[in-house]
Amino acid sequence: MTRSDGFAVDPDVLEKITSDVGRALGDMAEVAQMPEQPAAVFGHDELAKSAAEFQDSWREGVVELTRDVQTIHRGIGDTARRYRRVDDDAAARFDAIGRDGGRSA
């Protein structure tokens, strides 16, 4: 866990969030591909037309939201990798100090 001035980051938690957001992206992709219902389901032409217009607008919104969530997904993933690298580097330095008694620090 990386700490600085009372601020702490747990790379494991960031990696889990990245995974969870990735699953949400998959769910969003499935929802965006839902087929339109045939007009006969609605029983009225105007209602069918309104439903189709709503679904088209909704699908466009989901596509736009998906793009934004993909950006967030990449950002969280990059952040998690950077914090993991910092933790691994710090652990390696402490291991080196422990091995040589701090003589090469």
N, C-alpha and C. Protein backbone atom coordinates (compact mmCIF):
# COMPACT_ATOMS: atom_id res chain seq x y z
N MET A 1 0.86 -1.18 0.00
CA MET A 1 0.00 0.00 0.00
C MET A 1 0.89 1.23 0.00
N THR A 2 0.64 2.13 -0.89
CA THR A 2 1.41 3.36 -1.02
C THR A 2 0.78 4.43 -0.12
N ARG A 3 1.63 5.10 0.69
CA ARG A 3 1.14 6.14 1.61
C ARG A 3 1.96 7.42 1.43
N SER A 4 1.29 8.54 1.55
CA SER A 4 1.97 9.83 1.48
C SER A 4 1.11 10.86 2.19
N ASP A 5 1.66 11.46 3.23
CA ASP A 5 0.96 12.52 3.96
C ASP A 5 -0.46 12.14 4.35
N GLY A 6 -0.64 10.93 4.86
CA GLY A 6 -1.96 10.50 5.29
C GLY A 6 -2.83 9.93 4.18
N PHE A 7 -2.37 10.04 2.95
CA PHE A 7 -3.11 9.51 1.80
C PHE A 7 -2.60 8.11 1.52
N ALA A 8 -3.51 7.17 1.35
CA ALA A 8 -3.10 5.79 1.11
C ALA A 8 -3.83 5.25 -0.12
N VAL A 9 -3.12 4.43 -0.89
CA VAL A 9 -3.70 3.79 -2.06
C VAL A 9 -3.38 2.31 -1.99
N ASP A 10 -4.39 1.49 -2.17
CA ASP A 10 -4.19 0.04 -2.20
C ASP A 10 -4.33 -0.42 -3.64
N PRO A 11 -3.21 -0.79 -4.28
CA PRO A 11 -3.28 -1.22 -5.68
C PRO A 11 -4.22 -2.41 -5.91
N ASP A 12 -4.34 -3.30 -4.91
CA ASP A 12 -5.27 -4.42 -5.06
C ASP A 12 -6.70 -3.94 -5.25
N VAL A 13 -7.08 -2.91 -4.50
CA VAL A 13 -8.43 -2.36 -4.62
C VAL A 13 -8.61 -1.70 -5.98
N LEU A 14 -7.60 -0.94 -6.42
CA LEU A 14 -7.69 -0.33 -7.75
C LEU A 14 -7.81 -1.39 -8.84
N GLU A 15 -7.08 -2.49 -8.70
CA GLU A 15 -7.17 -3.56 -9.70
C GLU A 15 -8.55 -4.20 -9.69
N LYS A 16 -9.15 -4.34 -8.51
CA LYS A 16 -10.51 -4.89 -8.43
C LYS A 16 -11.51 -3.93 -9.08
N ILE A 17 -11.34 -2.64 -8.82
CA ILE A 17 -12.23 -1.64 -9.45
C ILE A 17 -12.09 -1.71 -10.97
N THR A 18 -10.86 -1.84 -11.45
CA THR A 18 -10.63 -1.95 -12.89
C THR A 18 -11.38 -3.15 -13.45
N SER A 19 -11.30 -4.27 -12.74
CA SER A 19 -12.00 -5.48 -13.17
C SER A 19 -13.52 -5.27 -13.16
N ASP A 20 -14.02 -4.66 -12.10
CA ASP A 20 -15.47 -4.42 -11.99
C ASP A 20 -15.96 -3.49 -13.10
N VAL A 21 -15.20 -2.44 -13.39
CA VAL A 21 -15.58 -1.51 -14.45
C VAL A 21 -15.54 -2.23 -15.80
N GLY A 22 -14.57 -3.12 -15.97
CA GLY A 22 -14.50 -3.91 -17.21
C GLY A 22 -15.73 -4.78 -17.39
N ARG A 23 -16.20 -5.38 -16.29
CA ARG A 23 -17.44 -6.18 -16.38
C ARG A 23 -18.63 -5.29 -16.72
N ALA A 24 -18.67 -4.10 -16.14
CA ALA A 24 -19.77 -3.17 -16.44
C ALA A 24 -19.75 -2.79 -17.92
N LEU A 25 -18.56 -2.62 -18.48
CA LEU A 25 -18.46 -2.32 -19.91
C LEU A 25 -19.04 -3.46 -20.74
N GLY A 26 -18.75 -4.69 -20.35
CA GLY A 26 -19.32 -5.84 -21.06
C GLY A 26 -20.83 -5.84 -20.99
N ASP A 27 -21.36 -5.54 -19.80
CA ASP A 27 -22.81 -5.48 -19.64
C ASP A 27 -23.42 -4.38 -20.50
N MET A 28 -22.74 -3.24 -20.55
CA MET A 28 -23.25 -2.13 -21.35
C MET A 28 -23.26 -2.50 -22.84
N ALA A 29 -22.24 -3.20 -23.28
CA ALA A 29 -22.19 -3.61 -24.68
C ALA A 29 -23.35 -4.55 -25.01
N GLU A 30 -23.67 -5.45 -24.09
CA GLU A 30 -24.81 -6.35 -24.31
C GLU A 30 -26.11 -5.57 -24.40
N VAL A 31 -26.28 -4.63 -23.48
CA VAL A 31 -27.52 -3.85 -23.45
C VAL A 31 -27.67 -3.03 -24.74
N ALA A 32 -26.57 -2.48 -25.23
CA ALA A 32 -26.64 -1.67 -26.44
C ALA A 32 -27.03 -2.50 -27.67
N GLN A 33 -26.84 -3.80 -27.59
CA GLN A 33 -27.15 -4.67 -28.73
C GLN A 33 -28.53 -5.33 -28.63
N MET A 34 -29.31 -4.94 -27.63
CA MET A 34 -30.64 -5.53 -27.49
C MET A 34 -31.47 -5.25 -28.74
N PRO A 35 -32.16 -6.26 -29.23
CA PRO A 35 -32.95 -6.05 -30.46
C PRO A 35 -34.20 -5.22 -30.18
N GLU A 36 -34.63 -4.51 -31.21
CA GLU A 36 -35.87 -3.74 -31.09
C GLU A 36 -37.05 -4.70 -31.10
N GLN A 37 -38.09 -4.31 -30.41
CA GLN A 37 -39.31 -5.11 -30.38
C GLN A 37 -40.13 -4.82 -31.64
N PRO A 38 -40.78 -5.83 -32.18
CA PRO A 38 -41.62 -5.58 -33.35
C PRO A 38 -42.79 -4.66 -32.98
N ALA A 39 -43.22 -3.87 -33.92
CA ALA A 39 -44.30 -2.89 -33.68
C ALA A 39 -45.56 -3.56 -33.14
N ALA A 40 -45.82 -4.79 -33.52
CA ALA A 40 -47.04 -5.48 -33.08
C ALA A 40 -47.08 -5.67 -31.57
N VAL A 41 -45.93 -5.69 -30.92
CA VAL A 41 -45.88 -5.87 -29.47
C VAL A 41 -46.59 -4.72 -28.76
N PHE A 42 -46.56 -3.54 -29.35
CA PHE A 42 -47.10 -2.36 -28.69
C PHE A 42 -48.59 -2.16 -28.94
N GLY A 43 -49.11 -2.76 -29.96
CA GLY A 43 -50.55 -2.71 -30.20
C GLY A 43 -51.05 -1.39 -30.76
N HIS A 44 -50.17 -0.45 -30.99
CA HIS A 44 -50.59 0.85 -31.50
C HIS A 44 -49.41 1.44 -32.26
N ASP A 45 -49.65 1.93 -33.45
CA ASP A 45 -48.58 2.43 -34.31
C ASP A 45 -47.80 3.58 -33.68
N GLU A 46 -48.51 4.54 -33.09
CA GLU A 46 -47.84 5.70 -32.49
C GLU A 46 -46.98 5.27 -31.29
N LEU A 47 -47.50 4.36 -30.50
CA LEU A 47 -46.74 3.85 -29.35
C LEU A 47 -45.50 3.11 -29.85
N ALA A 48 -45.64 2.31 -30.88
CA ALA A 48 -44.51 1.59 -31.46
C ALA A 48 -43.46 2.57 -31.98
N LYS A 49 -43.92 3.63 -32.64
CA LYS A 49 -43.00 4.64 -33.17
C LYS A 49 -42.26 5.35 -32.04
N SER A 50 -42.97 5.71 -30.99
CA SER A 50 -42.35 6.38 -29.84
C SER A 50 -41.33 5.46 -29.16
N ALA A 51 -41.70 4.19 -29.02
CA ALA A 51 -40.79 3.23 -28.39
C ALA A 51 -39.52 3.06 -29.23
N ALA A 52 -39.65 3.01 -30.52
CA ALA A 52 -38.49 2.87 -31.40
C ALA A 52 -37.59 4.10 -31.32
N GLU A 53 -38.20 5.29 -31.29
CA GLU A 53 -37.42 6.52 -31.17
C GLU A 53 -36.69 6.56 -29.83
N PHE A 54 -37.39 6.16 -28.76
CA PHE A 54 -36.76 6.13 -27.44
C PHE A 54 -35.59 5.16 -27.45
N GLN A 55 -35.78 3.98 -28.00
CA GLN A 55 -34.72 2.98 -28.00
C GLN A 55 -33.52 3.46 -28.80
N ASP A 56 -33.75 4.12 -29.93
CA ASP A 56 -32.64 4.66 -30.72
C ASP A 56 -31.85 5.69 -29.91
N SER A 57 -32.56 6.61 -29.27
CA SER A 57 -31.90 7.63 -28.46
C SER A 57 -31.17 7.00 -27.28
N TRP A 58 -31.82 6.04 -26.65
CA TRP A 58 -31.23 5.36 -25.50
C TRP A 58 -29.96 4.62 -25.92
N ARG A 59 -30.02 3.94 -27.05
CA ARG A 59 -28.85 3.21 -27.54
C ARG A 59 -27.69 4.18 -27.81
N GLU A 60 -27.97 5.32 -28.42
CA GLU A 60 -26.93 6.32 -28.66
C GLU A 60 -26.33 6.79 -27.34
N GLY A 61 -27.17 6.98 -26.33
CA GLY A 61 -26.68 7.38 -25.01
C GLY A 61 -25.79 6.32 -24.38
N VAL A 62 -26.17 5.07 -24.53
CA VAL A 62 -25.37 3.98 -23.98
C VAL A 62 -24.02 3.92 -24.69
N VAL A 63 -24.00 4.12 -25.99
CA VAL A 63 -22.74 4.11 -26.74
C VAL A 63 -21.84 5.24 -26.26
N GLU A 64 -22.39 6.42 -26.08
CA GLU A 64 -21.60 7.56 -25.60
C GLU A 64 -21.10 7.31 -24.18
N LEU A 65 -21.96 6.79 -23.32
CA LEU A 65 -21.57 6.47 -21.95
C LEU A 65 -20.48 5.41 -21.94
N THR A 66 -20.58 4.44 -22.83
CA THR A 66 -19.58 3.38 -22.92
C THR A 66 -18.21 3.97 -23.25
N ARG A 67 -18.16 4.92 -24.15
CA ARG A 67 -16.89 5.58 -24.49
C ARG A 67 -16.28 6.24 -23.25
N ASP A 68 -17.12 6.94 -22.48
CA ASP A 68 -16.63 7.60 -21.27
C ASP A 68 -16.13 6.58 -20.25
N VAL A 69 -16.88 5.51 -20.08
CA VAL A 69 -16.49 4.48 -19.11
C VAL A 69 -15.20 3.77 -19.56
N GLN A 70 -15.01 3.61 -20.86
CA GLN A 70 -13.76 3.02 -21.36
C GLN A 70 -12.57 3.90 -20.98
N THR A 71 -12.74 5.21 -21.07
CA THR A 71 -11.68 6.14 -20.67
C THR A 71 -11.38 6.00 -19.19
N ILE A 72 -12.42 5.92 -18.38
CA ILE A 72 -12.25 5.74 -16.94
C ILE A 72 -11.56 4.41 -16.66
N HIS A 73 -11.97 3.36 -17.35
CA HIS A 73 -11.40 2.03 -17.18
C HIS A 73 -9.90 2.05 -17.46
N ARG A 74 -9.51 2.67 -18.56
CA ARG A 74 -8.08 2.76 -18.89
C ARG A 74 -7.33 3.56 -17.83
N GLY A 75 -7.91 4.67 -17.39
CA GLY A 75 -7.26 5.52 -16.40
C GLY A 75 -7.04 4.82 -15.08
N ILE A 76 -8.06 4.11 -14.61
CA ILE A 76 -7.93 3.39 -13.35
C ILE A 76 -6.90 2.27 -13.49
N GLY A 77 -6.93 1.58 -14.62
CA GLY A 77 -5.96 0.51 -14.86
C GLY A 77 -4.53 1.04 -14.88
N ASP A 78 -4.32 2.16 -15.57
CA ASP A 78 -2.99 2.77 -15.61
C ASP A 78 -2.54 3.19 -14.22
N THR A 79 -3.45 3.79 -13.46
CA THR A 79 -3.14 4.22 -12.10
C THR A 79 -2.78 3.03 -11.22
N ALA A 80 -3.54 1.96 -11.33
CA ALA A 80 -3.26 0.76 -10.53
C ALA A 80 -1.87 0.21 -10.87
N ARG A 81 -1.54 0.16 -12.15
CA ARG A 81 -0.21 -0.35 -12.55
C ARG A 81 0.90 0.55 -12.02
N ARG A 82 0.70 1.84 -12.04
CA ARG A 82 1.73 2.76 -11.52
C ARG A 82 1.92 2.59 -10.02
N TYR A 83 0.83 2.53 -9.28
CA TYR A 83 0.95 2.33 -7.83
C TYR A 83 1.56 0.97 -7.52
N ARG A 84 1.21 -0.05 -8.29
CA ARG A 84 1.79 -1.38 -8.08
C ARG A 84 3.31 -1.31 -8.29
N ARG A 85 3.72 -0.61 -9.34
CA ARG A 85 5.16 -0.46 -9.62
C ARG A 85 5.87 0.25 -8.47
N VAL A 86 5.26 1.32 -7.93
CA VAL A 86 5.84 2.04 -6.80
C VAL A 86 5.98 1.10 -5.60
N ASP A 87 4.92 0.35 -5.30
CA ASP A 87 4.98 -0.59 -4.18
C ASP A 87 6.06 -1.64 -4.39
N ASP A 88 6.12 -2.20 -5.59
CA ASP A 88 7.12 -3.23 -5.88
C ASP A 88 8.54 -2.66 -5.79
N ASP A 89 8.75 -1.47 -6.31
CA ASP A 89 10.07 -0.83 -6.22
C ASP A 89 10.46 -0.57 -4.77
N ALA A 90 9.53 -0.06 -3.98
CA ALA A 90 9.82 0.20 -2.57
C ALA A 90 10.12 -1.10 -1.83
N ALA A 91 9.36 -2.15 -2.09
CA ALA A 91 9.60 -3.44 -1.44
C ALA A 91 10.98 -3.98 -1.81
N ALA A 92 11.35 -3.85 -3.08
CA ALA A 92 12.66 -4.32 -3.53
C ALA A 92 13.77 -3.54 -2.84
N ARG A 93 13.61 -2.25 -2.66
CA ARG A 93 14.63 -1.44 -1.97
C ARG A 93 14.75 -1.85 -0.51
N PHE A 94 13.61 -2.07 0.15
CA PHE A 94 13.67 -2.50 1.55
C PHE A 94 14.29 -3.89 1.67
N ASP A 95 13.99 -4.76 0.72
CA ASP A 95 14.62 -6.08 0.72
C ASP A 95 16.13 -5.96 0.58
N ALA A 96 16.59 -5.07 -0.31
CA ALA A 96 18.02 -4.86 -0.49
C ALA A 96 18.67 -4.32 0.76
N ILE A 97 17.99 -3.39 1.42
CA ILE A 97 18.51 -2.84 2.67
C ILE A 97 18.61 -3.95 3.71
N GLY A 98 17.59 -4.79 3.78
CA GLY A 98 17.59 -5.90 4.74
C GLY A 98 18.71 -6.90 4.48
N ARG A 99 19.02 -7.14 3.21
CA ARG A 99 20.05 -8.13 2.87
C ARG A 99 21.45 -7.66 3.22
N ASP A 100 21.70 -6.36 2.99
CA ASP A 100 23.08 -5.90 3.24
C ASP A 100 23.20 -5.02 4.48
N GLY A 101 22.19 -5.03 5.31
CA GLY A 101 22.24 -4.28 6.56
C GLY A 101 22.22 -2.78 6.37
N GLY A 102 21.81 -2.33 5.21
CA GLY A 102 21.71 -0.89 4.96
C GLY A 102 23.01 -0.27 4.51
N ARG A 103 24.04 -1.06 4.24
CA ARG A 103 25.35 -0.52 3.85
C ARG A 103 25.34 0.13 2.48
N SER A 104 24.46 -0.33 1.55
CA SER A 104 24.49 0.23 0.20
C SER A 104 23.39 1.24 -0.03
N ALA A 105 22.66 1.64 0.99
CA ALA A 105 21.58 2.60 0.85
C ALA A 105 22.15 3.93 0.65
